Amino acid sequence: QESWPLQVNAVLKGSLPDGCTEIYRVESRLEQSRFIVTIYTQREKEAFCTQALVPFEEVHALNVYGLPAGTYTVDADGVTAEFVFERDNAIQNPGGG
């Protein structure tokens, strides 16, 4: 059973460049019907690290409440996916007012 209004999570997968780099923030902004997702990383300058790629998986909730019906694109560093709302993603007032 789906909850209403719908919630949408972007599942971000990739690799960090070394063992010291870590994700400290994920942000998304809506431009027209496109969510632009940005991953911010941090790394200590003088740290000694493994130089192997470190895989990550990050789940980021998109702010989709109140969006009108339509097709939306999620863009995370050029990797895109789409989702569709068949109806407006808001709680409708059954009293009509």
N, C-alpha and C. Protein backbone atom coordinates (compact mmCIF):
# COMPACT_ATOMS: atom_id res chain seq x y z
N GLN A 1 0.85 -1.19 0.00
CA GLN A 1 0.00 0.00 0.00
C GLN A 1 0.88 1.24 0.00
N GLU A 2 0.55 2.18 -0.88
CA GLU A 2 1.31 3.41 -0.97
C GLU A 2 0.78 4.43 0.02
N SER A 3 1.68 5.21 0.59
CA SER A 3 1.25 6.32 1.42
C SER A 3 0.99 7.52 0.51
N TRP A 4 0.14 8.42 0.96
CA TRP A 4 -0.14 9.61 0.18
C TRP A 4 0.01 10.81 1.06
N PRO A 5 0.65 11.87 0.69
CA PRO A 5 1.28 12.04 -0.62
C PRO A 5 2.52 11.15 -0.78
N LEU A 6 2.91 10.94 -2.03
CA LEU A 6 4.05 10.08 -2.32
C LEU A 6 5.36 10.72 -1.87
N GLN A 7 6.30 9.86 -1.51
CA GLN A 7 7.65 10.32 -1.17
C GLN A 7 8.60 9.70 -2.18
N VAL A 8 9.64 10.44 -2.55
CA VAL A 8 10.60 9.97 -3.54
C VAL A 8 12.00 10.09 -2.96
N ASN A 9 12.75 9.00 -3.02
CA ASN A 9 14.14 9.00 -2.60
C ASN A 9 15.03 8.77 -3.80
N ALA A 10 16.13 9.53 -3.86
CA ALA A 10 17.16 9.28 -4.86
C ALA A 10 18.22 8.40 -4.19
N VAL A 11 18.52 7.25 -4.80
CA VAL A 11 19.57 6.37 -4.30
C VAL A 11 20.82 6.64 -5.12
N LEU A 12 21.82 7.22 -4.48
CA LEU A 12 23.03 7.66 -5.17
C LEU A 12 24.13 6.64 -4.91
N LYS A 13 24.73 6.13 -5.98
CA LYS A 13 25.80 5.15 -5.87
C LYS A 13 27.00 5.64 -6.66
N GLY A 14 28.16 5.38 -6.12
CA GLY A 14 29.37 5.79 -6.82
C GLY A 14 30.58 5.38 -6.02
N SER A 15 31.71 6.04 -6.29
CA SER A 15 32.95 5.74 -5.57
C SER A 15 33.61 7.04 -5.15
N LEU A 16 34.08 7.05 -3.91
CA LEU A 16 34.89 8.16 -3.42
C LEU A 16 36.33 7.88 -3.83
N PRO A 17 37.15 8.93 -4.05
CA PRO A 17 38.48 8.74 -4.63
C PRO A 17 39.49 8.05 -3.72
N ASP A 18 39.26 8.08 -2.40
CA ASP A 18 40.22 7.44 -1.49
C ASP A 18 39.55 7.18 -0.15
N GLY A 19 40.32 6.59 0.77
CA GLY A 19 39.76 6.18 2.06
C GLY A 19 39.50 7.33 3.02
N CYS A 20 39.95 8.54 2.72
CA CYS A 20 39.76 9.68 3.62
C CYS A 20 38.62 10.60 3.20
N THR A 21 38.20 10.53 1.96
CA THR A 21 37.13 11.40 1.47
C THR A 21 35.80 10.86 1.97
N GLU A 22 34.96 11.77 2.50
CA GLU A 22 33.64 11.33 2.98
C GLU A 22 32.58 12.33 2.54
N ILE A 23 31.35 11.83 2.44
CA ILE A 23 30.21 12.68 2.08
C ILE A 23 29.76 13.38 3.35
N TYR A 24 29.63 14.70 3.28
CA TYR A 24 29.11 15.39 4.46
C TYR A 24 27.77 16.06 4.22
N ARG A 25 27.35 16.18 2.95
CA ARG A 25 26.04 16.78 2.69
C ARG A 25 25.58 16.40 1.29
N VAL A 26 24.28 16.19 1.16
CA VAL A 26 23.66 15.99 -0.15
C VAL A 26 22.52 17.00 -0.25
N GLU A 27 22.49 17.75 -1.33
CA GLU A 27 21.43 18.74 -1.53
C GLU A 27 20.76 18.51 -2.87
N SER A 28 19.49 18.91 -2.95
CA SER A 28 18.80 18.87 -4.24
C SER A 28 17.97 20.13 -4.39
N ARG A 29 17.89 20.60 -5.63
CA ARG A 29 17.04 21.75 -5.93
C ARG A 29 16.23 21.42 -7.18
N LEU A 30 15.05 22.00 -7.24
CA LEU A 30 14.15 21.74 -8.37
C LEU A 30 14.24 22.91 -9.34
N GLU A 31 14.58 22.61 -10.59
CA GLU A 31 14.58 23.60 -11.66
C GLU A 31 13.60 23.11 -12.72
N GLN A 32 12.48 23.80 -12.86
CA GLN A 32 11.36 23.36 -13.68
C GLN A 32 10.95 21.96 -13.24
N SER A 33 11.15 20.94 -14.06
CA SER A 33 10.75 19.58 -13.66
C SER A 33 11.98 18.70 -13.45
N ARG A 34 13.12 19.33 -13.12
CA ARG A 34 14.38 18.60 -12.98
C ARG A 34 14.96 18.84 -11.59
N PHE A 35 15.19 17.73 -10.87
CA PHE A 35 15.88 17.82 -9.59
C PHE A 35 17.38 17.71 -9.84
N ILE A 36 18.14 18.72 -9.44
CA ILE A 36 19.59 18.70 -9.55
C ILE A 36 20.13 18.29 -8.18
N VAL A 37 20.80 17.14 -8.13
CA VAL A 37 21.33 16.62 -6.86
C VAL A 37 22.83 16.84 -6.83
N THR A 38 23.31 17.43 -5.72
CA THR A 38 24.73 17.70 -5.55
C THR A 38 25.23 17.00 -4.30
N ILE A 39 26.34 16.29 -4.45
CA ILE A 39 26.98 15.60 -3.33
C ILE A 39 28.22 16.40 -2.94
N TYR A 40 28.29 16.79 -1.67
CA TYR A 40 29.45 17.52 -1.16
C TYR A 40 30.31 16.57 -0.35
N THR A 41 31.62 16.58 -0.62
CA THR A 41 32.54 15.71 0.11
C THR A 41 33.56 16.56 0.85
N GLN A 42 34.21 15.94 1.82
CA GLN A 42 35.29 16.60 2.53
C GLN A 42 36.42 15.61 2.76
N ARG A 43 37.62 16.16 2.93
CA ARG A 43 38.80 15.32 3.11
C ARG A 43 39.85 16.14 3.86
N GLU A 44 40.47 15.53 4.86
CA GLU A 44 41.56 16.19 5.57
C GLU A 44 42.74 16.35 4.63
N LYS A 45 43.34 17.56 4.61
CA LYS A 45 44.40 17.85 3.65
C LYS A 45 45.63 16.97 3.82
N GLU A 46 46.08 16.78 5.05
CA GLU A 46 47.35 16.09 5.29
C GLU A 46 47.17 14.61 5.65
N ALA A 47 45.98 14.10 5.50
CA ALA A 47 45.72 12.72 5.93
C ALA A 47 46.42 11.71 5.03
N PHE A 48 46.88 10.63 5.64
CA PHE A 48 47.42 9.50 4.87
C PHE A 48 46.27 8.51 4.67
N CYS A 49 46.02 8.15 3.43
CA CYS A 49 44.82 7.38 3.12
C CYS A 49 45.14 6.24 2.18
N THR A 50 44.24 5.26 2.20
CA THR A 50 44.31 4.24 1.15
C THR A 50 43.93 4.94 -0.16
N GLN A 51 44.60 4.59 -1.23
CA GLN A 51 44.33 5.24 -2.52
C GLN A 51 43.33 4.46 -3.36
N ALA A 52 42.70 3.48 -2.77
CA ALA A 52 41.71 2.69 -3.49
C ALA A 52 40.37 3.44 -3.50
N LEU A 53 39.61 3.23 -4.57
CA LEU A 53 38.26 3.79 -4.63
C LEU A 53 37.40 3.15 -3.54
N VAL A 54 36.55 3.97 -2.91
CA VAL A 54 35.67 3.48 -1.85
C VAL A 54 34.23 3.64 -2.32
N PRO A 55 33.52 2.51 -2.56
CA PRO A 55 32.14 2.62 -3.02
C PRO A 55 31.23 3.21 -1.94
N PHE A 56 30.20 3.92 -2.39
CA PHE A 56 29.21 4.44 -1.45
C PHE A 56 27.81 4.28 -2.02
N GLU A 57 26.85 4.27 -1.11
CA GLU A 57 25.43 4.32 -1.48
C GLU A 57 24.76 5.26 -0.49
N GLU A 58 24.14 6.30 -1.00
CA GLU A 58 23.53 7.33 -0.17
C GLU A 58 22.08 7.47 -0.60
N VAL A 59 21.15 7.50 0.38
CA VAL A 59 19.73 7.68 0.08
C VAL A 59 19.36 9.12 0.44
N HIS A 60 18.80 9.85 -0.52
CA HIS A 60 18.47 11.26 -0.32
C HIS A 60 16.99 11.47 -0.64
N ALA A 61 16.24 11.99 0.32
CA ALA A 61 14.81 12.27 0.12
C ALA A 61 14.64 13.56 -0.68
N LEU A 62 13.87 13.49 -1.74
CA LEU A 62 13.57 14.67 -2.55
C LEU A 62 12.33 15.37 -2.00
N ASN A 63 12.31 16.68 -2.06
CA ASN A 63 11.17 17.45 -1.58
C ASN A 63 10.12 17.52 -2.69
N VAL A 64 9.21 16.56 -2.68
CA VAL A 64 8.23 16.44 -3.77
C VAL A 64 6.81 16.80 -3.36
N TYR A 65 6.59 17.16 -2.09
CA TYR A 65 5.23 17.46 -1.66
C TYR A 65 4.69 18.69 -2.40
N GLY A 66 3.47 18.58 -2.88
CA GLY A 66 2.82 19.70 -3.54
C GLY A 66 3.14 19.85 -5.02
N LEU A 67 3.95 18.96 -5.57
CA LEU A 67 4.27 19.06 -7.00
C LEU A 67 3.07 18.65 -7.85
N PRO A 68 2.88 19.33 -8.97
CA PRO A 68 1.78 18.95 -9.86
C PRO A 68 2.07 17.64 -10.59
N ALA A 69 1.02 17.03 -11.11
CA ALA A 69 1.18 15.81 -11.89
C ALA A 69 2.13 16.07 -13.05
N GLY A 70 2.92 15.07 -13.40
CA GLY A 70 3.84 15.23 -14.52
C GLY A 70 5.05 14.33 -14.38
N THR A 71 5.95 14.46 -15.34
CA THR A 71 7.18 13.67 -15.36
C THR A 71 8.32 14.53 -14.82
N TYR A 72 9.11 13.95 -13.94
CA TYR A 72 10.23 14.66 -13.32
C TYR A 72 11.51 13.88 -13.57
N THR A 73 12.61 14.62 -13.69
CA THR A 73 13.92 14.02 -13.91
C THR A 73 14.79 14.31 -12.69
N VAL A 74 15.57 13.32 -12.29
CA VAL A 74 16.57 13.50 -11.25
C VAL A 74 17.93 13.44 -11.93
N ASP A 75 18.77 14.45 -11.70
CA ASP A 75 20.08 14.53 -12.32
C ASP A 75 21.14 14.63 -11.23
N ALA A 76 21.94 13.58 -11.09
CA ALA A 76 23.04 13.58 -10.11
C ALA A 76 24.34 13.45 -10.89
N ASP A 77 25.00 14.57 -11.10
CA ASP A 77 26.29 14.60 -11.81
C ASP A 77 26.18 13.97 -13.20
N GLY A 78 25.09 14.26 -13.89
CA GLY A 78 24.93 13.78 -15.26
C GLY A 78 24.25 12.42 -15.38
N VAL A 79 24.07 11.72 -14.27
CA VAL A 79 23.33 10.45 -14.29
C VAL A 79 21.88 10.79 -14.00
N THR A 80 20.98 10.37 -14.89
CA THR A 80 19.58 10.79 -14.75
C THR A 80 18.63 9.60 -14.61
N ALA A 81 17.50 9.89 -13.98
CA ALA A 81 16.40 8.93 -13.87
C ALA A 81 15.12 9.76 -13.86
N GLU A 82 14.00 9.13 -14.21
CA GLU A 82 12.72 9.82 -14.25
C GLU A 82 11.72 9.16 -13.33
N PHE A 83 10.77 9.96 -12.85
CA PHE A 83 9.60 9.42 -12.16
C PHE A 83 8.39 10.24 -12.58
N VAL A 84 7.20 9.66 -12.44
CA VAL A 84 5.97 10.29 -12.91
C VAL A 84 4.97 10.34 -11.77
N PHE A 85 4.33 11.50 -11.60
CA PHE A 85 3.17 11.61 -10.72
C PHE A 85 1.94 11.61 -11.61
N GLU A 86 1.06 10.63 -11.38
CA GLU A 86 -0.18 10.54 -12.16
C GLU A 86 -1.17 11.62 -11.75
N ARG A 87 -1.04 12.13 -10.52
CA ARG A 87 -1.89 13.22 -10.05
C ARG A 87 -1.06 14.12 -9.16
N ASP A 88 -1.60 15.29 -8.84
CA ASP A 88 -0.87 16.23 -7.99
C ASP A 88 -0.49 15.55 -6.68
N ASN A 89 0.73 15.79 -6.23
CA ASN A 89 1.25 15.12 -5.03
C ASN A 89 0.98 15.98 -3.79
N ALA A 90 -0.30 16.12 -3.49
CA ALA A 90 -0.72 16.88 -2.31
C ALA A 90 -1.96 16.24 -1.72
N ILE A 91 -2.20 16.51 -0.47
CA ILE A 91 -3.40 16.00 0.18
C ILE A 91 -4.58 16.85 -0.31
N GLN A 92 -5.56 16.16 -0.87
CA GLN A 92 -6.73 16.88 -1.40
C GLN A 92 -7.75 17.04 -0.29
N ASN A 93 -8.39 18.18 -0.26
CA ASN A 93 -9.44 18.44 0.73
C ASN A 93 -10.74 17.85 0.21
N PRO A 94 -11.26 16.78 0.86
CA PRO A 94 -12.48 16.15 0.33
C PRO A 94 -13.70 17.07 0.39
N GLY A 95 -13.64 18.12 1.21
CA GLY A 95 -14.75 19.06 1.31
C GLY A 95 -14.81 20.03 0.16
N GLY A 96 -13.81 19.97 -0.70
CA GLY A 96 -13.82 20.81 -1.89
C GLY A 96 -13.41 22.24 -1.61
N GLY A 97 -12.91 22.54 -0.38
CA GLY A 97 -12.68 23.93 -0.14
C GLY A 97 -11.33 24.24 0.36
